[in-house]
Amino acid sequence: ELFLYAIAALLRRECFSAVGYLLRQHYYVDMNARQGKDPMVSFAEFRQHLDSLEHRNKRLKLRRLSLHADILNKRSTHGALTFSQVMQADFVLFIRDCLDSIRTGRWQHWWPMTLIYSERHYGPFEIFARSQSARYFEKTKTIFDITTKEDFLPLAEAFKTEKLRIPRWEFHTFNPFELMAYDKLS
């Protein structure tokens, strides 16, 4: 959650090179080292499924699609960041993880829980809307380690062939290319 908020704050301040730096880094996980696994992991490992919230949802018969998303939504209402900015960060992390998965052949890890609320967000997220300008796109592309907007196209093929998954919560889902206003980029 802290990583998500850090990315949201950096995006809000247009610190795109800092976001790119944090997403390129590998992070040391002591438990992996003790288990004989590679201790250096991608940012995507920060996104862990919270079984305890799923158990609570069932036990209390709350019938919520995602308690995790609900909690993130409630916590963002009193802070310096809006929930839309948190959703934008979650989406950016999702897209970057998908691109990294294609590049490395590893399994997709980042599941953007907040995007269960994406139906309430109309149009593209702010950094993508602003990236209609070629000059602004030049600044944001460092986040994704791309050189042109066409570098996003392998995502479409991976989603189509189900190498990558677009999140779904019962009947709720989103279109990544609409949220990034792909047709209008650059």
N, C-alpha and C. Protein backbone atom coordinates (compact mmCIF):
# COMPACT_ATOMS: atom_id res chain seq x y z
N GLU A 1 0.83 -1.20 0.00
CA GLU A 1 0.00 0.00 0.00
C GLU A 1 0.87 1.25 0.00
N LEU A 2 1.95 1.23 0.77
CA LEU A 2 2.84 2.38 0.81
C LEU A 2 3.51 2.60 -0.54
N PHE A 3 3.88 1.51 -1.20
CA PHE A 3 4.50 1.62 -2.53
C PHE A 3 3.50 2.23 -3.51
N LEU A 4 2.25 1.79 -3.45
CA LEU A 4 1.21 2.33 -4.32
C LEU A 4 1.05 3.83 -4.11
N TYR A 5 1.01 4.25 -2.84
CA TYR A 5 0.86 5.67 -2.53
C TYR A 5 2.10 6.47 -2.94
N ALA A 6 3.27 5.88 -2.80
CA ALA A 6 4.50 6.57 -3.23
C ALA A 6 4.47 6.81 -4.74
N ILE A 7 4.06 5.80 -5.49
CA ILE A 7 3.97 5.96 -6.95
C ILE A 7 2.92 7.01 -7.29
N ALA A 8 1.78 6.98 -6.61
CA ALA A 8 0.72 7.97 -6.86
C ALA A 8 1.23 9.39 -6.60
N ALA A 9 1.96 9.57 -5.51
CA ALA A 9 2.49 10.90 -5.17
C ALA A 9 3.50 11.36 -6.21
N LEU A 10 4.37 10.46 -6.66
CA LEU A 10 5.37 10.82 -7.67
C LEU A 10 4.70 11.15 -9.01
N LEU A 11 3.68 10.42 -9.37
CA LEU A 11 2.96 10.72 -10.61
C LEU A 11 2.27 12.08 -10.51
N ARG A 12 1.69 12.34 -9.36
CA ARG A 12 1.00 13.62 -9.15
C ARG A 12 1.96 14.79 -9.35
N ARG A 13 3.19 14.63 -8.91
CA ARG A 13 4.21 15.68 -9.02
C ARG A 13 5.01 15.59 -10.33
N GLU A 14 4.59 14.70 -11.21
CA GLU A 14 5.22 14.50 -12.51
C GLU A 14 6.70 14.13 -12.40
N CYS A 15 7.03 13.34 -11.39
CA CYS A 15 8.40 12.84 -11.20
C CYS A 15 8.52 11.50 -11.93
N PHE A 16 8.37 11.54 -13.24
CA PHE A 16 8.30 10.32 -14.03
C PHE A 16 9.60 9.53 -14.04
N SER A 17 10.73 10.22 -14.03
CA SER A 17 12.01 9.49 -14.02
C SER A 17 12.18 8.76 -12.69
N ALA A 18 11.68 9.33 -11.60
CA ALA A 18 11.76 8.66 -10.30
C ALA A 18 10.87 7.41 -10.28
N VAL A 19 9.69 7.52 -10.89
CA VAL A 19 8.80 6.35 -10.98
C VAL A 19 9.49 5.27 -11.80
N GLY A 20 10.04 5.64 -12.96
CA GLY A 20 10.74 4.67 -13.79
C GLY A 20 11.89 4.00 -13.05
N TYR A 21 12.62 4.80 -12.28
CA TYR A 21 13.74 4.26 -11.50
C TYR A 21 13.24 3.22 -10.49
N LEU A 22 12.18 3.55 -9.76
CA LEU A 22 11.64 2.61 -8.76
C LEU A 22 11.11 1.33 -9.40
N LEU A 23 10.59 1.43 -10.62
CA LEU A 23 10.03 0.26 -11.28
C LEU A 23 11.10 -0.60 -11.95
N ARG A 24 12.25 -0.02 -12.23
CA ARG A 24 13.35 -0.79 -12.80
C ARG A 24 14.17 -1.52 -11.73
N GLN A 25 14.11 -1.02 -10.51
CA GLN A 25 14.92 -1.59 -9.43
C GLN A 25 14.43 -2.98 -9.04
N HIS A 26 15.34 -3.73 -8.47
CA HIS A 26 14.96 -4.99 -7.83
C HIS A 26 15.13 -4.80 -6.34
N TYR A 27 14.30 -5.47 -5.59
CA TYR A 27 14.24 -5.28 -4.13
C TYR A 27 14.61 -6.58 -3.42
N TYR A 28 15.32 -6.42 -2.33
CA TYR A 28 15.81 -7.57 -1.57
C TYR A 28 14.72 -8.11 -0.64
N VAL A 29 14.44 -9.40 -0.74
CA VAL A 29 13.48 -10.07 0.13
C VAL A 29 14.23 -11.14 0.92
N ASP A 30 14.42 -10.87 2.19
CA ASP A 30 15.19 -11.75 3.07
C ASP A 30 14.64 -13.18 3.10
N MET A 31 13.32 -13.31 3.14
CA MET A 31 12.71 -14.64 3.21
C MET A 31 13.10 -15.48 1.99
N ASN A 32 13.14 -14.85 0.82
CA ASN A 32 13.56 -15.58 -0.38
C ASN A 32 14.98 -16.10 -0.23
N ALA A 33 15.86 -15.26 0.32
CA ALA A 33 17.26 -15.66 0.51
C ALA A 33 17.34 -16.87 1.45
N ARG A 34 16.53 -16.85 2.51
CA ARG A 34 16.55 -17.95 3.48
C ARG A 34 15.95 -19.23 2.91
N GLN A 35 15.12 -19.11 1.88
CA GLN A 35 14.49 -20.28 1.27
C GLN A 35 15.24 -20.75 0.02
N GLY A 36 16.39 -20.14 -0.25
CA GLY A 36 17.18 -20.55 -1.40
C GLY A 36 16.67 -20.01 -2.73
N LYS A 37 15.76 -19.05 -2.68
CA LYS A 37 15.23 -18.43 -3.90
C LYS A 37 16.03 -17.16 -4.18
N ASP A 38 15.83 -16.61 -5.35
CA ASP A 38 16.48 -15.35 -5.70
C ASP A 38 15.94 -14.26 -4.76
N PRO A 39 16.82 -13.62 -3.99
CA PRO A 39 16.35 -12.61 -3.03
C PRO A 39 15.99 -11.28 -3.68
N MET A 40 16.39 -11.07 -4.92
CA MET A 40 16.12 -9.81 -5.60
C MET A 40 14.87 -9.97 -6.47
N VAL A 41 13.85 -9.15 -6.19
CA VAL A 41 12.56 -9.29 -6.87
C VAL A 41 12.10 -7.96 -7.46
N SER A 42 11.18 -8.06 -8.38
CA SER A 42 10.56 -6.90 -9.02
C SER A 42 9.60 -6.21 -8.04
N PHE A 43 9.28 -4.96 -8.34
CA PHE A 43 8.29 -4.22 -7.56
C PHE A 43 6.97 -4.98 -7.47
N ALA A 44 6.66 -5.79 -8.48
CA ALA A 44 5.38 -6.48 -8.55
C ALA A 44 5.18 -7.43 -7.38
N GLU A 45 6.25 -7.85 -6.74
CA GLU A 45 6.14 -8.74 -5.58
C GLU A 45 5.50 -8.03 -4.38
N PHE A 46 5.46 -6.69 -4.42
CA PHE A 46 4.82 -5.95 -3.32
C PHE A 46 3.32 -6.18 -3.31
N ARG A 47 2.76 -6.55 -4.46
CA ARG A 47 1.31 -6.77 -4.55
C ARG A 47 1.02 -8.22 -4.20
N GLN A 48 0.59 -8.42 -2.98
CA GLN A 48 0.26 -9.77 -2.51
C GLN A 48 -1.25 -9.89 -2.30
N HIS A 49 -1.78 -11.03 -2.61
CA HIS A 49 -3.20 -11.29 -2.36
C HIS A 49 -3.40 -11.42 -0.85
N LEU A 50 -4.41 -10.76 -0.33
CA LEU A 50 -4.68 -10.78 1.10
C LEU A 50 -5.81 -11.76 1.41
N ASP A 51 -5.44 -12.99 1.68
CA ASP A 51 -6.42 -14.04 1.98
C ASP A 51 -7.28 -13.68 3.19
N SER A 52 -6.70 -12.98 4.15
CA SER A 52 -7.43 -12.65 5.37
C SER A 52 -8.65 -11.78 5.06
N LEU A 53 -8.54 -10.87 4.09
CA LEU A 53 -9.68 -10.03 3.73
C LEU A 53 -10.76 -10.84 3.02
N GLU A 54 -10.33 -11.76 2.19
CA GLU A 54 -11.29 -12.63 1.51
C GLU A 54 -12.03 -13.50 2.53
N HIS A 55 -11.29 -14.01 3.51
CA HIS A 55 -11.89 -14.82 4.57
C HIS A 55 -12.89 -13.98 5.37
N ARG A 56 -12.52 -12.76 5.71
CA ARG A 56 -13.41 -11.86 6.46
C ARG A 56 -14.69 -11.57 5.67
N ASN A 57 -14.55 -11.34 4.39
CA ASN A 57 -15.69 -11.07 3.53
C ASN A 57 -16.68 -12.23 3.56
N LYS A 58 -16.15 -13.45 3.49
CA LYS A 58 -17.01 -14.64 3.52
C LYS A 58 -17.61 -14.87 4.91
N ARG A 59 -16.75 -14.74 5.93
CA ARG A 59 -17.19 -15.01 7.29
C ARG A 59 -18.31 -14.07 7.74
N LEU A 60 -18.17 -12.80 7.39
CA LEU A 60 -19.18 -11.81 7.77
C LEU A 60 -20.30 -11.66 6.75
N LYS A 61 -20.20 -12.44 5.67
CA LYS A 61 -21.20 -12.40 4.59
C LYS A 61 -21.42 -10.98 4.08
N LEU A 62 -20.31 -10.27 3.85
CA LEU A 62 -20.37 -8.89 3.41
C LEU A 62 -20.71 -8.77 1.92
N ARG A 63 -20.40 -9.83 1.16
CA ARG A 63 -20.69 -9.88 -0.26
C ARG A 63 -20.07 -8.73 -1.05
N ARG A 64 -18.88 -8.32 -0.64
CA ARG A 64 -18.13 -7.28 -1.35
C ARG A 64 -17.26 -7.95 -2.41
N LEU A 65 -17.11 -7.32 -3.55
CA LEU A 65 -16.27 -7.88 -4.60
C LEU A 65 -14.80 -7.82 -4.21
N SER A 66 -14.42 -6.78 -3.46
CA SER A 66 -13.03 -6.66 -3.01
C SER A 66 -12.96 -5.77 -1.77
N LEU A 67 -12.78 -6.39 -0.62
CA LEU A 67 -12.58 -5.59 0.60
C LEU A 67 -11.29 -4.79 0.51
N HIS A 68 -10.30 -5.35 -0.14
CA HIS A 68 -9.02 -4.66 -0.31
C HIS A 68 -9.23 -3.33 -1.04
N ALA A 69 -9.96 -3.35 -2.14
CA ALA A 69 -10.25 -2.13 -2.89
C ALA A 69 -11.08 -1.17 -2.05
N ASP A 70 -12.03 -1.70 -1.30
CA ASP A 70 -12.86 -0.85 -0.44
C ASP A 70 -12.01 -0.12 0.60
N ILE A 71 -11.06 -0.83 1.19
CA ILE A 71 -10.18 -0.23 2.20
C ILE A 71 -9.32 0.86 1.57
N LEU A 72 -8.73 0.57 0.42
CA LEU A 72 -7.91 1.57 -0.26
C LEU A 72 -8.73 2.80 -0.62
N ASN A 73 -9.95 2.59 -1.03
CA ASN A 73 -10.85 3.69 -1.38
C ASN A 73 -11.13 4.56 -0.15
N LYS A 74 -11.48 3.93 0.95
CA LYS A 74 -11.81 4.69 2.16
C LYS A 74 -10.60 5.44 2.72
N ARG A 75 -9.44 4.83 2.65
CA ARG A 75 -8.24 5.48 3.19
C ARG A 75 -7.82 6.69 2.37
N SER A 76 -8.16 6.70 1.11
CA SER A 76 -7.71 7.80 0.26
C SER A 76 -8.61 9.02 0.33
N THR A 77 -9.74 8.93 0.99
CA THR A 77 -10.67 10.05 1.02
C THR A 77 -10.23 11.17 1.94
N HIS A 78 -9.29 10.91 2.84
CA HIS A 78 -8.88 11.94 3.79
C HIS A 78 -7.42 12.35 3.64
N GLY A 79 -6.79 11.95 2.56
CA GLY A 79 -5.37 12.22 2.39
C GLY A 79 -5.09 13.27 1.34
N ALA A 80 -3.82 13.42 1.04
CA ALA A 80 -3.38 14.40 0.06
C ALA A 80 -3.62 13.91 -1.37
N LEU A 81 -3.84 12.61 -1.53
CA LEU A 81 -4.08 12.03 -2.85
C LEU A 81 -5.54 11.66 -3.00
N THR A 82 -6.07 11.86 -4.18
CA THR A 82 -7.45 11.45 -4.45
C THR A 82 -7.44 9.96 -4.80
N PHE A 83 -8.60 9.35 -4.71
CA PHE A 83 -8.69 7.93 -5.07
C PHE A 83 -8.40 7.75 -6.56
N SER A 84 -8.77 8.70 -7.38
CA SER A 84 -8.46 8.63 -8.80
C SER A 84 -6.95 8.58 -9.03
N GLN A 85 -6.19 9.33 -8.24
CA GLN A 85 -4.73 9.29 -8.36
C GLN A 85 -4.17 7.94 -7.90
N VAL A 86 -4.78 7.35 -6.90
CA VAL A 86 -4.36 6.02 -6.44
C VAL A 86 -4.69 4.98 -7.52
N MET A 87 -5.88 5.10 -8.12
CA MET A 87 -6.26 4.19 -9.21
C MET A 87 -5.30 4.34 -10.39
N GLN A 88 -4.92 5.57 -10.70
CA GLN A 88 -3.99 5.81 -11.79
C GLN A 88 -2.66 5.11 -11.52
N ALA A 89 -2.16 5.23 -10.30
CA ALA A 89 -0.90 4.57 -9.93
C ALA A 89 -1.04 3.06 -10.04
N ASP A 90 -2.15 2.52 -9.57
CA ASP A 90 -2.40 1.08 -9.65
C ASP A 90 -2.42 0.63 -11.11
N PHE A 91 -3.04 1.42 -11.97
CA PHE A 91 -3.10 1.10 -13.39
C PHE A 91 -1.71 1.16 -14.03
N VAL A 92 -0.94 2.19 -13.70
CA VAL A 92 0.43 2.32 -14.22
C VAL A 92 1.26 1.10 -13.81
N LEU A 93 1.14 0.69 -12.55
CA LEU A 93 1.88 -0.48 -12.07
C LEU A 93 1.44 -1.75 -12.79
N PHE A 94 0.14 -1.86 -13.05
CA PHE A 94 -0.38 -3.00 -13.78
C PHE A 94 0.20 -3.05 -15.20
N ILE A 95 0.15 -1.92 -15.91
CA ILE A 95 0.66 -1.87 -17.29
C ILE A 95 2.16 -2.16 -17.32
N ARG A 96 2.91 -1.55 -16.40
CA ARG A 96 4.36 -1.78 -16.37
C ARG A 96 4.66 -3.26 -16.08
N ASP A 97 3.93 -3.85 -15.13
CA ASP A 97 4.14 -5.27 -14.82
C ASP A 97 3.80 -6.14 -16.03
N CYS A 98 2.75 -5.80 -16.75
CA CYS A 98 2.40 -6.56 -17.96
C CYS A 98 3.52 -6.46 -19.00
N LEU A 99 4.03 -5.27 -19.21
CA LEU A 99 5.15 -5.10 -20.16
C LEU A 99 6.37 -5.89 -19.71
N ASP A 100 6.68 -5.83 -18.41
CA ASP A 100 7.82 -6.58 -17.88
C ASP A 100 7.61 -8.08 -18.03
N SER A 101 6.37 -8.54 -17.86
CA SER A 101 6.06 -9.96 -18.02
C SER A 101 6.31 -10.42 -19.45
N ILE A 102 5.92 -9.59 -20.40
CA ILE A 102 6.16 -9.92 -21.81
C ILE A 102 7.66 -9.95 -22.10
N ARG A 103 8.37 -8.96 -21.58
CA ARG A 103 9.82 -8.85 -21.85
C ARG A 103 10.61 -10.01 -21.26
N THR A 104 10.22 -10.46 -20.06
CA THR A 104 11.01 -11.46 -19.35
C THR A 104 10.43 -12.87 -19.44
N GLY A 105 9.17 -12.99 -19.84
CA GLY A 105 8.52 -14.30 -19.90
C GLY A 105 8.04 -14.80 -18.54
N ARG A 106 8.10 -13.96 -17.54
CA ARG A 106 7.61 -14.37 -16.21
C ARG A 106 6.11 -14.14 -16.10
N TRP A 107 5.54 -14.73 -15.08
CA TRP A 107 4.10 -14.63 -14.83
C TRP A 107 3.74 -13.22 -14.39
N GLN A 108 2.57 -12.78 -14.77
CA GLN A 108 2.03 -11.47 -14.39
C GLN A 108 1.73 -11.47 -12.89
N HIS A 109 2.15 -10.42 -12.16
CA HIS A 109 1.97 -10.37 -10.72
C HIS A 109 1.02 -9.27 -10.23
N TRP A 110 1.11 -8.10 -10.83
CA TRP A 110 0.39 -6.95 -10.26
C TRP A 110 -1.08 -7.02 -10.64
N TRP A 111 -1.93 -7.09 -9.63
CA TRP A 111 -3.38 -7.13 -9.83
C TRP A 111 -3.93 -5.82 -9.29
N PRO A 112 -4.42 -4.93 -10.15
CA PRO A 112 -4.84 -3.59 -9.73
C PRO A 112 -6.20 -3.58 -9.05
N MET A 113 -6.20 -3.85 -7.77
CA MET A 113 -7.45 -3.99 -7.02
C MET A 113 -8.35 -2.76 -7.10
N THR A 114 -7.75 -1.58 -7.12
CA THR A 114 -8.57 -0.36 -7.12
C THR A 114 -9.39 -0.20 -8.39
N LEU A 115 -9.00 -0.87 -9.45
CA LEU A 115 -9.68 -0.68 -10.73
C LEU A 115 -11.05 -1.35 -10.78
N ILE A 116 -11.42 -2.00 -9.70
CA ILE A 116 -12.80 -2.46 -9.59
C ILE A 116 -13.74 -1.25 -9.63
N TYR A 117 -13.20 -0.10 -9.25
CA TYR A 117 -13.95 1.16 -9.27
C TYR A 117 -13.77 1.93 -10.57
N SER A 118 -13.12 1.36 -11.55
CA SER A 118 -12.81 2.10 -12.78
C SER A 118 -14.07 2.52 -13.55
N GLU A 119 -15.17 1.85 -13.32
CA GLU A 119 -16.42 2.23 -14.00
C GLU A 119 -16.87 3.63 -13.58
N ARG A 120 -16.40 4.06 -12.42
CA ARG A 120 -16.73 5.41 -11.93
C ARG A 120 -15.77 6.46 -12.48
N HIS A 121 -14.74 6.01 -13.17
CA HIS A 121 -13.73 6.91 -13.73
C HIS A 121 -13.97 6.97 -15.23
N TYR A 122 -14.34 8.13 -15.73
CA TYR A 122 -14.67 8.26 -17.14
C TYR A 122 -13.47 8.80 -17.91
N GLY A 123 -13.15 8.15 -18.99
CA GLY A 123 -12.04 8.59 -19.81
C GLY A 123 -10.71 8.07 -19.31
N PRO A 124 -9.64 8.53 -19.96
CA PRO A 124 -8.31 8.05 -19.58
C PRO A 124 -7.83 8.68 -18.27
N PHE A 125 -6.87 8.03 -17.65
CA PHE A 125 -6.24 8.63 -16.48
C PHE A 125 -5.43 9.84 -16.92
N GLU A 126 -5.20 10.74 -15.97
CA GLU A 126 -4.62 12.04 -16.29
C GLU A 126 -3.31 11.98 -17.07
N ILE A 127 -2.36 11.15 -16.62
CA ILE A 127 -1.07 11.18 -17.33
C ILE A 127 -1.21 10.68 -18.77
N PHE A 128 -2.17 9.82 -19.02
CA PHE A 128 -2.39 9.34 -20.38
C PHE A 128 -3.13 10.39 -21.21
N ALA A 129 -4.08 11.07 -20.59
CA ALA A 129 -4.78 12.16 -21.29
C ALA A 129 -3.78 13.25 -21.67
N ARG A 130 -2.90 13.60 -20.75
CA ARG A 130 -1.89 14.62 -21.04
C ARG A 130 -0.86 14.12 -22.06
N SER A 131 -0.70 12.82 -22.15
CA SER A 131 0.26 12.23 -23.08
C SER A 131 -0.22 12.26 -24.53
N GLN A 132 -1.37 12.87 -24.77
CA GLN A 132 -1.78 13.13 -26.15
C GLN A 132 -0.77 14.07 -26.79
N SER A 133 -0.18 14.92 -25.97
CA SER A 133 0.89 15.79 -26.43
C SER A 133 2.16 14.96 -26.57
N ALA A 134 2.79 15.06 -27.73
CA ALA A 134 4.03 14.30 -27.97
C ALA A 134 5.09 14.68 -26.94
N ARG A 135 5.13 15.94 -26.56
CA ARG A 135 6.12 16.41 -25.59
C ARG A 135 5.90 15.77 -24.22
N TYR A 136 4.65 15.69 -23.80
CA TYR A 136 4.34 15.08 -22.51
C TYR A 136 4.60 13.57 -22.56
N PHE A 137 4.24 12.94 -23.67
CA PHE A 137 4.49 11.51 -23.84
C PHE A 137 5.98 11.21 -23.71
N GLU A 138 6.82 12.07 -24.27
CA GLU A 138 8.27 11.90 -24.16
C GLU A 138 8.71 11.82 -22.70
N LYS A 139 8.04 12.57 -21.83
CA LYS A 139 8.39 12.55 -20.41
C LYS A 139 7.88 11.29 -19.72
N THR A 140 6.70 10.82 -20.11
CA THR A 140 6.08 9.68 -19.39
C THR A 140 6.59 8.32 -19.84
N LYS A 141 7.13 8.23 -21.02
CA LYS A 141 7.52 6.91 -21.54
C LYS A 141 8.62 6.26 -20.72
N THR A 142 9.37 7.03 -19.95
CA THR A 142 10.40 6.46 -19.09
C THR A 142 9.81 5.55 -18.01
N ILE A 143 8.55 5.79 -17.66
CA ILE A 143 7.87 4.95 -16.67
C ILE A 143 7.80 3.51 -17.17
N PHE A 144 7.56 3.37 -18.46
CA PHE A 144 7.29 2.05 -19.04
C PHE A 144 8.49 1.46 -19.78
N ASP A 145 9.59 2.19 -19.83
CA ASP A 145 10.77 1.77 -20.60
C ASP A 145 10.40 1.47 -22.05
N ILE A 146 9.73 2.42 -22.67
CA ILE A 146 9.35 2.29 -24.08
C ILE A 146 9.92 3.48 -24.85
N THR A 147 9.91 3.38 -26.17
CA THR A 147 10.38 4.50 -27.00
C THR A 147 9.26 5.10 -27.84
N THR A 148 8.27 4.28 -28.21
CA THR A 148 7.14 4.79 -28.98
C THR A 148 5.85 4.19 -28.42
N LYS A 149 4.73 4.78 -28.80
CA LYS A 149 3.44 4.25 -28.32
C LYS A 149 3.18 2.84 -28.84
N GLU A 150 3.78 2.50 -29.98
CA GLU A 150 3.60 1.16 -30.55
C GLU A 150 4.19 0.08 -29.65
N ASP A 151 5.05 0.47 -28.73
CA ASP A 151 5.62 -0.50 -27.77
C ASP A 151 4.56 -1.05 -26.82
N PHE A 152 3.38 -0.43 -26.80
CA PHE A 152 2.26 -0.95 -26.01
C PHE A 152 1.50 -2.05 -26.75
N LEU A 153 1.67 -2.15 -28.06
CA LEU A 153 0.88 -3.09 -28.87
C LEU A 153 1.04 -4.57 -28.47
N PRO A 154 2.22 -5.02 -28.03
CA PRO A 154 2.30 -6.41 -27.58
C PRO A 154 1.33 -6.74 -26.43
N LEU A 155 0.92 -5.71 -25.69
CA LEU A 155 -0.08 -5.94 -24.64
C LEU A 155 -1.39 -6.41 -25.24
N ALA A 156 -1.81 -5.76 -26.31
CA ALA A 156 -3.08 -6.12 -26.94
C ALA A 156 -3.07 -7.57 -27.37
N GLU A 157 -1.99 -8.00 -27.99
CA GLU A 157 -1.87 -9.39 -28.44
C GLU A 157 -1.84 -10.35 -27.24
N ALA A 158 -1.12 -9.97 -26.20
CA ALA A 158 -1.03 -10.83 -25.01
C ALA A 158 -2.38 -10.95 -24.30
N PHE A 159 -3.15 -9.87 -24.27
CA PHE A 159 -4.49 -9.94 -23.67
C PHE A 159 -5.41 -10.79 -24.54
N LYS A 160 -5.29 -10.62 -25.85
CA LYS A 160 -6.14 -11.36 -26.80
C LYS A 160 -5.89 -12.86 -26.72
N THR A 161 -4.61 -13.24 -26.63
CA THR A 161 -4.26 -14.66 -26.58
C THR A 161 -4.25 -15.21 -25.15
N GLU A 162 -4.60 -14.37 -24.21
CA GLU A 162 -4.67 -14.71 -22.78
C GLU A 162 -3.33 -15.12 -22.17
N LYS A 163 -2.24 -14.62 -22.75
CA LYS A 163 -0.94 -14.75 -22.08
C LYS A 163 -0.92 -13.85 -20.85
N LEU A 164 -1.64 -12.74 -20.94
CA LEU A 164 -1.85 -11.83 -19.82
C LEU A 164 -3.34 -11.73 -19.57
N ARG A 165 -3.68 -11.45 -18.32
CA ARG A 165 -5.09 -11.36 -17.96
C ARG A 165 -5.46 -9.93 -17.60
N ILE A 166 -6.63 -9.52 -18.05
CA ILE A 166 -7.22 -8.27 -17.60
C ILE A 166 -8.09 -8.63 -16.41
N PRO A 167 -7.92 -7.96 -15.29
CA PRO A 167 -8.71 -8.30 -14.10
C PRO A 167 -10.21 -8.26 -14.34
N ARG A 168 -10.88 -9.14 -13.65
CA ARG A 168 -12.34 -9.22 -13.71
C ARG A 168 -12.85 -9.55 -12.31
N TRP A 169 -13.88 -8.82 -11.92
CA TRP A 169 -14.55 -9.07 -10.65
C TRP A 169 -16.01 -9.29 -11.00
N GLU A 170 -16.41 -10.55 -11.04
CA GLU A 170 -17.73 -10.93 -11.53
C GLU A 170 -17.95 -10.29 -12.89
N PHE A 171 -18.83 -9.28 -12.98
CA PHE A 171 -19.12 -8.66 -14.27
C PHE A 171 -18.33 -7.36 -14.49
N HIS A 172 -17.49 -6.99 -13.55
CA HIS A 172 -16.73 -5.75 -13.64
C HIS A 172 -15.34 -6.00 -14.22
N THR A 173 -14.97 -5.19 -15.18
CA THR A 173 -13.63 -5.24 -15.77
C THR A 173 -13.34 -3.87 -16.35
N PHE A 174 -12.25 -3.74 -17.08
CA PHE A 174 -11.90 -2.47 -17.70
C PHE A 174 -11.15 -2.75 -18.99
N ASN A 175 -11.09 -1.74 -19.83
CA ASN A 175 -10.35 -1.83 -21.08
C ASN A 175 -9.07 -1.01 -20.91
N PRO A 176 -7.91 -1.65 -20.82
CA PRO A 176 -6.66 -0.92 -20.61
C PRO A 176 -6.38 0.14 -21.67
N PHE A 177 -6.73 -0.14 -22.91
CA PHE A 177 -6.43 0.79 -23.99
C PHE A 177 -7.32 2.03 -23.95
N GLU A 178 -8.51 1.90 -23.35
CA GLU A 178 -9.36 3.08 -23.14
C GLU A 178 -8.83 3.92 -21.99
N LEU A 179 -8.39 3.28 -20.92
CA LEU A 179 -7.87 4.02 -19.77
C LEU A 179 -6.57 4.75 -20.08
N MET A 180 -5.86 4.26 -21.11
CA MET A 180 -4.62 4.96 -21.50
C MET A 180 -4.84 5.80 -22.76
N ALA A 181 -6.06 5.83 -23.29
CA ALA A 181 -6.38 6.60 -24.50
C ALA A 181 -5.33 6.32 -25.58
N TYR A 182 -5.11 5.04 -25.81
CA TYR A 182 -4.04 4.62 -26.71
C TYR A 182 -4.10 5.33 -28.07
N ASP A 183 -5.28 5.41 -28.67
CA ASP A 183 -5.41 5.99 -30.00
C ASP A 183 -4.97 7.44 -30.07
N LYS A 184 -4.98 8.14 -28.94
CA LYS A 184 -4.62 9.55 -28.93
C LYS A 184 -3.22 9.83 -28.39
N LEU A 185 -2.51 8.79 -27.94
CA LEU A 185 -1.17 9.01 -27.37
C LEU A 185 -0.22 9.63 -28.38
N SER A 186 0.58 10.55 -27.92
CA SER A 186 1.67 11.16 -28.68
C SER A 186 1.18 11.79 -29.97
